[in-house]
Amino acid sequence: MFELLAALSIAAAAGLRLGLPLLVLGVLSGGELWSEVPILSMFNPSVVLGILVSISLLELVISKDRLGHRVLQIMELVFSPIVGAIAGIAVVTYTIGSSALLTTIIGVVSALVAFVLRLVQLGWFYRLRGLPMWFILTQDVLCIALVFLAFDAPRQGGVIALFLLWLAIRSSSAWQQRRHPKPG
């Protein structure tokens, strides 16, 4: 059960940022985890580290500019399910080893959580015509906190991830009610 909560926590972090969760995940494990993670294990750990640092810096810098944030949103929407699945599988592999069925289920659930969170953020971005700076900074801090919680306190990290998922679902239903008001 704790593995699922840890995977939800890391998947929510992947729904917030792409490179940062995998970077922190690899650094926390001393770089050994990347050798067991699908897709990342095909590359040299130094290359993976360089790519993840570059992506993380790009996300942190570009997200502060409105035009850059638009481009970044589309890129994050496309890659967030992939990163969510990779991160969820990495946490499960690191904590309990690899069971084919469990790894597949965790990968799919992690991908869906990351995609839903990213999709709702994209919706808010276009609805509000940009996100406020305090929201972007909170998003960065929350992303790092969720990665740490996935390892140190998976129960709390999973609860925060479920709360974020609940907020995402509530806000999307609020959009539907604004577009299609109930006849009364």
N, C-alpha and C. Protein backbone atom coordinates (compact mmCIF):
# COMPACT_ATOMS: atom_id res chain seq x y z
N MET A 1 0.82 -1.19 0.00
CA MET A 1 0.00 0.00 0.00
C MET A 1 0.87 1.26 0.00
N PHE A 2 1.96 1.21 0.77
CA PHE A 2 2.84 2.38 0.81
C PHE A 2 3.50 2.64 -0.53
N GLU A 3 3.74 1.57 -1.28
CA GLU A 3 4.35 1.73 -2.60
C GLU A 3 3.41 2.48 -3.54
N LEU A 4 2.12 2.19 -3.46
CA LEU A 4 1.14 2.89 -4.28
C LEU A 4 1.08 4.37 -3.91
N LEU A 5 1.09 4.66 -2.62
CA LEU A 5 1.06 6.05 -2.18
C LEU A 5 2.33 6.80 -2.60
N ALA A 6 3.47 6.11 -2.51
CA ALA A 6 4.72 6.73 -2.95
C ALA A 6 4.68 6.99 -4.46
N ALA A 7 4.14 6.03 -5.21
CA ALA A 7 4.03 6.21 -6.66
C ALA A 7 3.07 7.34 -7.00
N LEU A 8 1.98 7.48 -6.26
CA LEU A 8 1.06 8.60 -6.48
C LEU A 8 1.74 9.93 -6.20
N SER A 9 2.55 9.97 -5.15
CA SER A 9 3.26 11.19 -4.80
C SER A 9 4.23 11.59 -5.90
N ILE A 10 5.00 10.65 -6.39
CA ILE A 10 5.97 10.96 -7.45
C ILE A 10 5.26 11.26 -8.77
N ALA A 11 4.12 10.62 -9.02
CA ALA A 11 3.36 10.89 -10.24
C ALA A 11 2.77 12.31 -10.20
N ALA A 12 2.32 12.72 -9.03
CA ALA A 12 1.81 14.10 -8.91
C ALA A 12 2.94 15.10 -9.14
N ALA A 13 4.13 14.77 -8.66
CA ALA A 13 5.28 15.64 -8.91
C ALA A 13 5.59 15.70 -10.41
N ALA A 14 5.45 14.57 -11.09
CA ALA A 14 5.67 14.54 -12.54
C ALA A 14 4.58 15.30 -13.28
N GLY A 15 3.40 15.40 -12.68
CA GLY A 15 2.33 16.20 -13.27
C GLY A 15 2.59 17.69 -13.12
N LEU A 16 3.46 18.06 -12.19
CA LEU A 16 3.79 19.46 -11.98
C LEU A 16 4.99 19.90 -12.81
N ARG A 17 6.02 19.08 -12.85
CA ARG A 17 7.24 19.36 -13.62
C ARG A 17 7.73 18.08 -14.25
N LEU A 18 8.50 18.17 -15.32
CA LEU A 18 9.00 16.97 -16.01
C LEU A 18 10.36 16.52 -15.48
N GLY A 19 11.35 17.34 -15.59
CA GLY A 19 12.71 16.93 -15.28
C GLY A 19 13.04 16.89 -13.80
N LEU A 20 12.45 17.79 -13.04
CA LEU A 20 12.79 17.92 -11.63
C LEU A 20 12.51 16.66 -10.81
N PRO A 21 11.36 16.00 -10.97
CA PRO A 21 11.13 14.79 -10.17
C PRO A 21 12.14 13.68 -10.47
N LEU A 22 12.44 13.47 -11.75
CA LEU A 22 13.39 12.42 -12.09
C LEU A 22 14.80 12.78 -11.63
N LEU A 23 15.14 14.06 -11.69
CA LEU A 23 16.44 14.51 -11.23
C LEU A 23 16.60 14.29 -9.73
N VAL A 24 15.63 14.73 -8.96
CA VAL A 24 15.69 14.56 -7.50
C VAL A 24 15.63 13.08 -7.14
N LEU A 25 14.82 12.32 -7.86
CA LEU A 25 14.72 10.88 -7.63
C LEU A 25 16.07 10.20 -7.83
N GLY A 26 16.75 10.54 -8.89
CA GLY A 26 18.06 9.95 -9.16
C GLY A 26 19.13 10.39 -8.19
N VAL A 27 19.09 11.67 -7.80
CA VAL A 27 20.08 12.18 -6.86
C VAL A 27 19.88 11.55 -5.48
N LEU A 28 18.62 11.37 -5.07
CA LEU A 28 18.34 10.74 -3.77
C LEU A 28 18.85 9.31 -3.71
N SER A 29 18.79 8.62 -4.82
CA SER A 29 19.24 7.23 -4.84
C SER A 29 20.72 7.10 -5.17
N GLY A 30 21.41 8.20 -5.30
CA GLY A 30 22.83 8.18 -5.62
C GLY A 30 23.12 7.87 -7.08
N GLY A 31 22.14 8.02 -7.94
CA GLY A 31 22.32 7.77 -9.36
C GLY A 31 22.16 6.31 -9.74
N GLU A 32 22.05 5.42 -8.75
CA GLU A 32 21.91 3.99 -9.03
C GLU A 32 20.54 3.65 -9.60
N LEU A 33 19.55 4.42 -9.23
CA LEU A 33 18.18 4.12 -9.64
C LEU A 33 18.01 4.23 -11.14
N TRP A 34 18.72 5.14 -11.78
CA TRP A 34 18.56 5.33 -13.22
C TRP A 34 18.95 4.09 -14.00
N SER A 35 19.80 3.25 -13.43
CA SER A 35 20.21 2.03 -14.13
C SER A 35 19.13 0.96 -14.12
N GLU A 36 18.10 1.14 -13.27
CA GLU A 36 17.01 0.17 -13.18
C GLU A 36 15.70 0.68 -13.77
N VAL A 37 15.70 1.92 -14.22
CA VAL A 37 14.47 2.56 -14.70
C VAL A 37 14.35 2.36 -16.20
N PRO A 38 13.14 2.01 -16.68
CA PRO A 38 12.96 1.87 -18.13
C PRO A 38 13.29 3.18 -18.83
N ILE A 39 13.77 3.11 -20.01
CA ILE A 39 14.17 4.21 -20.89
C ILE A 39 15.46 4.88 -20.40
N LEU A 40 15.52 5.28 -19.13
CA LEU A 40 16.72 5.94 -18.62
C LEU A 40 17.89 4.98 -18.51
N SER A 41 17.62 3.69 -18.32
CA SER A 41 18.71 2.71 -18.17
C SER A 41 19.45 2.48 -19.48
N MET A 42 18.88 2.92 -20.59
CA MET A 42 19.53 2.73 -21.89
C MET A 42 20.67 3.72 -22.12
N PHE A 43 20.76 4.75 -21.26
CA PHE A 43 21.76 5.80 -21.45
C PHE A 43 22.76 5.80 -20.30
N ASN A 44 23.90 6.39 -20.54
CA ASN A 44 24.92 6.56 -19.53
C ASN A 44 24.36 7.47 -18.43
N PRO A 45 24.58 7.16 -17.14
CA PRO A 45 24.05 8.00 -16.06
C PRO A 45 24.49 9.46 -16.14
N SER A 46 25.71 9.73 -16.63
CA SER A 46 26.13 11.13 -16.75
C SER A 46 25.33 11.86 -17.81
N VAL A 47 24.97 11.16 -18.89
CA VAL A 47 24.14 11.77 -19.93
C VAL A 47 22.74 12.04 -19.39
N VAL A 48 22.20 11.08 -18.65
CA VAL A 48 20.87 11.25 -18.05
C VAL A 48 20.89 12.43 -17.09
N LEU A 49 21.92 12.52 -16.27
CA LEU A 49 22.04 13.63 -15.34
C LEU A 49 22.10 14.96 -16.08
N GLY A 50 22.89 15.05 -17.12
CA GLY A 50 23.00 16.28 -17.90
C GLY A 50 21.68 16.68 -18.55
N ILE A 51 20.98 15.71 -19.11
CA ILE A 51 19.69 15.99 -19.76
C ILE A 51 18.66 16.44 -18.73
N LEU A 52 18.60 15.75 -17.59
CA LEU A 52 17.61 16.12 -16.57
C LEU A 52 17.90 17.47 -15.94
N VAL A 53 19.17 17.80 -15.74
CA VAL A 53 19.52 19.12 -15.23
C VAL A 53 19.13 20.19 -16.24
N SER A 54 19.39 19.94 -17.52
CA SER A 54 19.04 20.90 -18.57
C SER A 54 17.53 21.12 -18.64
N ILE A 55 16.78 20.03 -18.60
CA ILE A 55 15.32 20.15 -18.65
C ILE A 55 14.79 20.88 -17.43
N SER A 56 15.33 20.56 -16.26
CA SER A 56 14.88 21.21 -15.02
C SER A 56 15.16 22.71 -15.06
N LEU A 57 16.35 23.09 -15.48
CA LEU A 57 16.67 24.52 -15.58
C LEU A 57 15.81 25.22 -16.61
N LEU A 58 15.58 24.55 -17.72
CA LEU A 58 14.72 25.10 -18.76
C LEU A 58 13.31 25.33 -18.23
N GLU A 59 12.79 24.35 -17.51
CA GLU A 59 11.45 24.49 -16.94
C GLU A 59 11.39 25.63 -15.92
N LEU A 60 12.41 25.74 -15.09
CA LEU A 60 12.40 26.78 -14.06
C LEU A 60 12.52 28.18 -14.67
N VAL A 61 13.29 28.32 -15.72
CA VAL A 61 13.49 29.64 -16.32
C VAL A 61 12.35 30.01 -17.26
N ILE A 62 11.97 29.11 -18.13
CA ILE A 62 10.94 29.41 -19.14
C ILE A 62 9.56 29.57 -18.51
N SER A 63 9.29 28.90 -17.41
CA SER A 63 7.96 28.97 -16.82
C SER A 63 7.63 30.35 -16.27
N LYS A 64 8.61 31.20 -16.12
CA LYS A 64 8.36 32.55 -15.60
C LYS A 64 7.92 33.52 -16.69
N ASP A 65 8.13 33.19 -17.96
CA ASP A 65 7.75 34.03 -19.08
C ASP A 65 6.46 33.48 -19.69
N ARG A 66 5.53 34.35 -20.06
CA ARG A 66 4.22 33.89 -20.54
C ARG A 66 4.32 33.11 -21.85
N LEU A 67 5.05 33.60 -22.82
CA LEU A 67 5.17 32.90 -24.09
C LEU A 67 5.93 31.59 -23.91
N GLY A 68 7.00 31.63 -23.15
CA GLY A 68 7.75 30.41 -22.87
C GLY A 68 6.90 29.39 -22.13
N HIS A 69 6.06 29.90 -21.25
CA HIS A 69 5.19 29.01 -20.48
C HIS A 69 4.18 28.30 -21.39
N ARG A 70 3.71 28.98 -22.43
CA ARG A 70 2.80 28.34 -23.39
C ARG A 70 3.46 27.16 -24.08
N VAL A 71 4.66 27.38 -24.56
CA VAL A 71 5.40 26.30 -25.23
C VAL A 71 5.69 25.17 -24.24
N LEU A 72 6.07 25.54 -23.05
CA LEU A 72 6.38 24.55 -22.01
C LEU A 72 5.15 23.73 -21.63
N GLN A 73 3.99 24.37 -21.59
CA GLN A 73 2.75 23.66 -21.23
C GLN A 73 2.45 22.54 -22.22
N ILE A 74 2.59 22.82 -23.50
CA ILE A 74 2.32 21.80 -24.52
C ILE A 74 3.32 20.65 -24.40
N MET A 75 4.59 21.00 -24.23
CA MET A 75 5.62 19.97 -24.09
C MET A 75 5.35 19.12 -22.84
N GLU A 76 4.98 19.75 -21.75
CA GLU A 76 4.71 19.02 -20.51
C GLU A 76 3.46 18.17 -20.63
N LEU A 77 2.48 18.62 -21.38
CA LEU A 77 1.27 17.82 -21.56
C LEU A 77 1.58 16.53 -22.32
N VAL A 78 2.44 16.62 -23.31
CA VAL A 78 2.79 15.44 -24.10
C VAL A 78 3.63 14.45 -23.30
N PHE A 79 4.60 14.97 -22.55
CA PHE A 79 5.56 14.09 -21.88
C PHE A 79 5.21 13.75 -20.44
N SER A 80 4.25 14.42 -19.82
CA SER A 80 3.94 14.13 -18.42
C SER A 80 3.48 12.69 -18.17
N PRO A 81 2.66 12.08 -19.04
CA PRO A 81 2.32 10.67 -18.77
C PRO A 81 3.53 9.74 -18.84
N ILE A 82 4.45 10.03 -19.74
CA ILE A 82 5.65 9.20 -19.87
C ILE A 82 6.52 9.34 -18.62
N VAL A 83 6.73 10.58 -18.20
CA VAL A 83 7.55 10.83 -17.01
C VAL A 83 6.84 10.28 -15.77
N GLY A 84 5.53 10.43 -15.69
CA GLY A 84 4.78 9.88 -14.56
C GLY A 84 4.92 8.37 -14.46
N ALA A 85 4.82 7.70 -15.60
CA ALA A 85 4.97 6.24 -15.61
C ALA A 85 6.39 5.83 -15.23
N ILE A 86 7.38 6.51 -15.79
CA ILE A 86 8.77 6.20 -15.46
C ILE A 86 9.04 6.40 -13.98
N ALA A 87 8.57 7.52 -13.43
CA ALA A 87 8.82 7.81 -12.02
C ALA A 87 8.08 6.83 -11.11
N GLY A 88 6.84 6.50 -11.44
CA GLY A 88 6.10 5.53 -10.63
C GLY A 88 6.75 4.16 -10.65
N ILE A 89 7.18 3.72 -11.82
CA ILE A 89 7.86 2.43 -11.94
C ILE A 89 9.19 2.46 -11.18
N ALA A 90 9.88 3.59 -11.23
CA ALA A 90 11.15 3.70 -10.53
C ALA A 90 10.98 3.57 -9.03
N VAL A 91 9.95 4.20 -8.49
CA VAL A 91 9.71 4.12 -7.04
C VAL A 91 9.35 2.71 -6.64
N VAL A 92 8.49 2.06 -7.41
CA VAL A 92 8.10 0.68 -7.09
C VAL A 92 9.30 -0.25 -7.21
N THR A 93 10.10 -0.08 -8.24
CA THR A 93 11.29 -0.92 -8.42
C THR A 93 12.28 -0.70 -7.29
N TYR A 94 12.42 0.53 -6.86
CA TYR A 94 13.37 0.85 -5.80
C TYR A 94 12.91 0.31 -4.45
N THR A 95 11.60 0.34 -4.19
CA THR A 95 11.11 -0.06 -2.87
C THR A 95 10.87 -1.56 -2.73
N ILE A 96 10.22 -2.20 -3.72
CA ILE A 96 9.88 -3.61 -3.52
C ILE A 96 10.44 -4.53 -4.59
N GLY A 97 11.14 -4.02 -5.54
CA GLY A 97 11.62 -4.86 -6.63
C GLY A 97 10.64 -4.82 -7.78
N SER A 98 10.81 -5.73 -8.71
CA SER A 98 9.94 -5.67 -9.89
C SER A 98 9.03 -6.88 -9.95
N SER A 99 7.76 -6.59 -9.94
CA SER A 99 6.73 -7.58 -10.21
C SER A 99 6.02 -7.07 -11.46
N ALA A 100 5.94 -7.89 -12.48
CA ALA A 100 5.47 -7.42 -13.79
C ALA A 100 4.06 -6.82 -13.71
N LEU A 101 3.14 -7.48 -13.05
CA LEU A 101 1.77 -7.00 -12.99
C LEU A 101 1.68 -5.71 -12.17
N LEU A 102 2.30 -5.70 -11.00
CA LEU A 102 2.26 -4.51 -10.15
C LEU A 102 2.95 -3.33 -10.82
N THR A 103 4.07 -3.59 -11.46
CA THR A 103 4.80 -2.52 -12.14
C THR A 103 3.96 -1.93 -13.27
N THR A 104 3.27 -2.76 -14.00
CA THR A 104 2.41 -2.28 -15.10
C THR A 104 1.26 -1.44 -14.56
N ILE A 105 0.62 -1.93 -13.52
CA ILE A 105 -0.52 -1.20 -12.93
C ILE A 105 -0.05 0.15 -12.38
N ILE A 106 1.04 0.15 -11.64
CA ILE A 106 1.56 1.40 -11.07
C ILE A 106 1.98 2.36 -12.18
N GLY A 107 2.58 1.84 -13.24
CA GLY A 107 2.98 2.69 -14.36
C GLY A 107 1.78 3.36 -15.02
N VAL A 108 0.71 2.61 -15.23
CA VAL A 108 -0.49 3.17 -15.87
C VAL A 108 -1.16 4.19 -14.95
N VAL A 109 -1.30 3.86 -13.68
CA VAL A 109 -1.94 4.79 -12.73
C VAL A 109 -1.10 6.06 -12.60
N SER A 110 0.20 5.91 -12.51
CA SER A 110 1.08 7.08 -12.40
C SER A 110 0.99 7.97 -13.64
N ALA A 111 0.95 7.34 -14.80
CA ALA A 111 0.83 8.11 -16.04
C ALA A 111 -0.49 8.89 -16.08
N LEU A 112 -1.56 8.24 -15.66
CA LEU A 112 -2.87 8.91 -15.66
C LEU A 112 -2.93 10.07 -14.67
N VAL A 113 -2.38 9.87 -13.49
CA VAL A 113 -2.37 10.94 -12.48
C VAL A 113 -1.58 12.15 -13.00
N ALA A 114 -0.40 11.90 -13.55
CA ALA A 114 0.42 12.99 -14.08
C ALA A 114 -0.30 13.71 -15.23
N PHE A 115 -0.95 12.94 -16.09
CA PHE A 115 -1.64 13.55 -17.24
C PHE A 115 -2.83 14.39 -16.80
N VAL A 116 -3.61 13.89 -15.86
CA VAL A 116 -4.78 14.64 -15.39
C VAL A 116 -4.35 15.95 -14.73
N LEU A 117 -3.34 15.89 -13.88
CA LEU A 117 -2.88 17.12 -13.23
C LEU A 117 -2.34 18.13 -14.24
N ARG A 118 -1.61 17.65 -15.23
CA ARG A 118 -1.07 18.54 -16.26
C ARG A 118 -2.18 19.12 -17.12
N LEU A 119 -3.17 18.30 -17.46
CA LEU A 119 -4.28 18.75 -18.30
C LEU A 119 -5.10 19.84 -17.60
N VAL A 120 -5.35 19.68 -16.33
CA VAL A 120 -6.11 20.69 -15.59
C VAL A 120 -5.29 21.98 -15.46
N GLN A 121 -3.99 21.86 -15.26
CA GLN A 121 -3.15 23.06 -15.21
C GLN A 121 -3.18 23.79 -16.54
N LEU A 122 -3.14 23.04 -17.62
CA LEU A 122 -3.22 23.65 -18.94
C LEU A 122 -4.56 24.37 -19.12
N GLY A 123 -5.62 23.76 -18.66
CA GLY A 123 -6.94 24.39 -18.73
C GLY A 123 -6.99 25.69 -17.95
N TRP A 124 -6.43 25.68 -16.74
CA TRP A 124 -6.40 26.91 -15.94
C TRP A 124 -5.51 27.97 -16.59
N PHE A 125 -4.42 27.54 -17.20
CA PHE A 125 -3.52 28.48 -17.85
C PHE A 125 -4.25 29.25 -18.95
N TYR A 126 -4.99 28.54 -19.77
CA TYR A 126 -5.70 29.21 -20.87
C TYR A 126 -6.96 29.93 -20.38
N ARG A 127 -7.56 29.43 -19.35
CA ARG A 127 -8.76 30.09 -18.82
C ARG A 127 -8.40 31.42 -18.16
N LEU A 128 -7.29 31.44 -17.43
CA LEU A 128 -6.87 32.66 -16.74
C LEU A 128 -5.94 33.53 -17.58
N ARG A 129 -5.61 33.06 -18.79
CA ARG A 129 -4.67 33.74 -19.68
C ARG A 129 -3.30 33.91 -19.02
N GLY A 130 -2.84 32.85 -18.42
CA GLY A 130 -1.55 32.83 -17.74
C GLY A 130 -1.74 32.52 -16.27
N LEU A 131 -0.73 31.96 -15.67
CA LEU A 131 -0.78 31.63 -14.25
C LEU A 131 0.01 32.66 -13.46
N PRO A 132 -0.48 33.02 -12.27
CA PRO A 132 0.26 33.99 -11.46
C PRO A 132 1.61 33.43 -11.01
N MET A 133 2.54 34.32 -10.76
CA MET A 133 3.89 33.91 -10.38
C MET A 133 3.90 33.12 -9.07
N TRP A 134 3.05 33.50 -8.12
CA TRP A 134 3.03 32.78 -6.84
C TRP A 134 2.61 31.33 -7.05
N PHE A 135 1.74 31.07 -8.03
CA PHE A 135 1.30 29.71 -8.32
C PHE A 135 2.44 28.89 -8.90
N ILE A 136 3.21 29.49 -9.79
CA ILE A 136 4.33 28.79 -10.43
C ILE A 136 5.40 28.45 -9.40
N LEU A 137 5.70 29.38 -8.50
CA LEU A 137 6.70 29.13 -7.47
C LEU A 137 6.21 28.07 -6.48
N THR A 138 4.93 28.11 -6.13
CA THR A 138 4.36 27.09 -5.25
C THR A 138 4.42 25.73 -5.92
N GLN A 139 4.19 25.70 -7.20
CA GLN A 139 4.24 24.46 -7.97
C GLN A 139 5.65 23.85 -7.92
N ASP A 140 6.69 24.68 -8.04
CA ASP A 140 8.06 24.19 -7.98
C ASP A 140 8.39 23.60 -6.61
N VAL A 141 8.00 24.31 -5.56
CA VAL A 141 8.27 23.84 -4.19
C VAL A 141 7.49 22.56 -3.91
N LEU A 142 6.24 22.51 -4.33
CA LEU A 142 5.41 21.32 -4.11
C LEU A 142 5.96 20.12 -4.85
N CYS A 143 6.48 20.34 -6.03
CA CYS A 143 7.07 19.25 -6.82
C CYS A 143 8.23 18.61 -6.07
N ILE A 144 9.13 19.42 -5.56
CA ILE A 144 10.28 18.89 -4.83
C ILE A 144 9.82 18.22 -3.54
N ALA A 145 8.86 18.83 -2.85
CA ALA A 145 8.37 18.24 -1.60
C ALA A 145 7.72 16.87 -1.85
N LEU A 146 6.98 16.74 -2.93
CA LEU A 146 6.32 15.45 -3.23
C LEU A 146 7.34 14.35 -3.53
N VAL A 147 8.45 14.70 -4.15
CA VAL A 147 9.49 13.70 -4.41
C VAL A 147 10.10 13.24 -3.09
N PHE A 148 10.43 14.18 -2.22
CA PHE A 148 10.98 13.80 -0.91
C PHE A 148 9.98 12.99 -0.10
N LEU A 149 8.71 13.38 -0.15
CA LEU A 149 7.69 12.65 0.60
C LEU A 149 7.49 11.23 0.05
N ALA A 150 7.72 11.03 -1.23
CA ALA A 150 7.57 9.69 -1.80
C ALA A 150 8.51 8.71 -1.13
N PHE A 151 9.67 9.16 -0.71
CA PHE A 151 10.63 8.28 -0.05
C PHE A 151 10.53 8.32 1.46
N ASP A 152 10.42 9.52 2.03
CA ASP A 152 10.47 9.67 3.48
C ASP A 152 9.12 9.46 4.17
N ALA A 153 8.05 9.90 3.54
CA ALA A 153 6.71 9.80 4.13
C ALA A 153 5.70 9.51 3.03
N PRO A 154 5.67 8.26 2.52
CA PRO A 154 4.79 7.97 1.39
C PRO A 154 3.31 8.16 1.70
N ARG A 155 2.91 7.95 2.94
CA ARG A 155 1.50 8.14 3.28
C ARG A 155 1.09 9.59 3.10
N GLN A 156 1.89 10.51 3.64
CA GLN A 156 1.57 11.93 3.51
C GLN A 156 1.69 12.40 2.06
N GLY A 157 2.69 11.93 1.35
CA GLY A 157 2.83 12.29 -0.06
C GLY A 157 1.67 11.79 -0.90
N GLY A 158 1.22 10.56 -0.63
CA GLY A 158 0.07 10.00 -1.34
C GLY A 158 -1.21 10.76 -1.05
N VAL A 159 -1.37 11.18 0.21
CA VAL A 159 -2.57 11.95 0.58
C VAL A 159 -2.55 13.31 -0.13
N ILE A 160 -1.40 13.94 -0.18
CA ILE A 160 -1.30 15.22 -0.90
C ILE A 160 -1.59 15.02 -2.38
N ALA A 161 -1.08 13.94 -2.96
CA ALA A 161 -1.34 13.65 -4.37
C ALA A 161 -2.83 13.42 -4.61
N LEU A 162 -3.47 12.68 -3.73
CA LEU A 162 -4.91 12.45 -3.87
C LEU A 162 -5.70 13.75 -3.69
N PHE A 163 -5.24 14.61 -2.80
CA PHE A 163 -5.88 15.91 -2.61
C PHE A 163 -5.74 16.76 -3.88
N LEU A 164 -4.55 16.75 -4.49
CA LEU A 164 -4.35 17.49 -5.75
C LEU A 164 -5.24 16.93 -6.86
N LEU A 165 -5.37 15.62 -6.90
CA LEU A 165 -6.25 14.99 -7.89
C LEU A 165 -7.70 15.38 -7.65
N TRP A 166 -8.12 15.41 -6.40
CA TRP A 166 -9.47 15.83 -6.06
C TRP A 166 -9.70 17.29 -6.47
N LEU A 167 -8.72 18.16 -6.20
CA LEU A 167 -8.84 19.57 -6.61
C LEU A 167 -8.95 19.68 -8.13
N ALA A 168 -8.19 18.87 -8.84
CA ALA A 168 -8.23 18.91 -10.30
C ALA A 168 -9.60 18.50 -10.81
N ILE A 169 -10.16 17.47 -10.23
CA ILE A 169 -11.49 17.00 -10.66
C ILE A 169 -12.56 18.03 -10.30
N ARG A 170 -12.46 18.61 -9.12
CA ARG A 170 -13.43 19.64 -8.71
C ARG A 170 -13.37 20.86 -9.61
N SER A 171 -12.17 21.29 -9.95
CA SER A 171 -12.07 22.49 -10.78
C SER A 171 -12.56 22.23 -12.19
N SER A 172 -12.35 21.02 -12.70
CA SER A 172 -12.85 20.73 -14.05
C SER A 172 -14.38 20.62 -14.04
N SER A 173 -14.95 20.12 -12.96
CA SER A 173 -16.42 20.08 -12.91
C SER A 173 -16.99 21.48 -12.74
N ALA A 174 -16.25 22.38 -12.09
CA ALA A 174 -16.69 23.77 -11.98
C ALA A 174 -16.72 24.43 -13.36
N TRP A 175 -15.76 24.09 -14.23
CA TRP A 175 -15.77 24.62 -15.59
C TRP A 175 -17.02 24.17 -16.33
N GLN A 176 -17.36 22.90 -16.18
CA GLN A 176 -18.54 22.36 -16.88
C GLN A 176 -19.81 23.03 -16.40
N GLN A 177 -19.91 23.33 -15.11
CA GLN A 177 -21.10 23.99 -14.59
C GLN A 177 -21.18 25.42 -15.08
N ARG A 178 -20.07 26.09 -15.28
CA ARG A 178 -20.09 27.46 -15.79
C ARG A 178 -20.50 27.48 -17.25
N ARG A 179 -20.08 26.47 -18.01
CA ARG A 179 -20.43 26.43 -19.43
C ARG A 179 -21.86 25.99 -19.66
N HIS A 180 -22.30 25.03 -18.89
CA HIS A 180 -23.64 24.48 -19.04
C HIS A 180 -24.39 24.60 -17.72
N PRO A 181 -24.94 25.76 -17.43
CA PRO A 181 -25.65 25.92 -16.17
C PRO A 181 -26.91 25.05 -16.14
N LYS A 182 -27.21 24.58 -14.95
CA LYS A 182 -28.39 23.75 -14.78
C LYS A 182 -29.66 24.61 -14.97
N PRO A 183 -30.63 24.07 -15.69
CA PRO A 183 -31.88 24.84 -15.84
C PRO A 183 -32.60 24.91 -14.50
N GLY A 184 -33.13 26.03 -14.21
CA GLY A 184 -33.73 26.10 -12.89
C GLY A 184 -34.83 27.00 -12.84
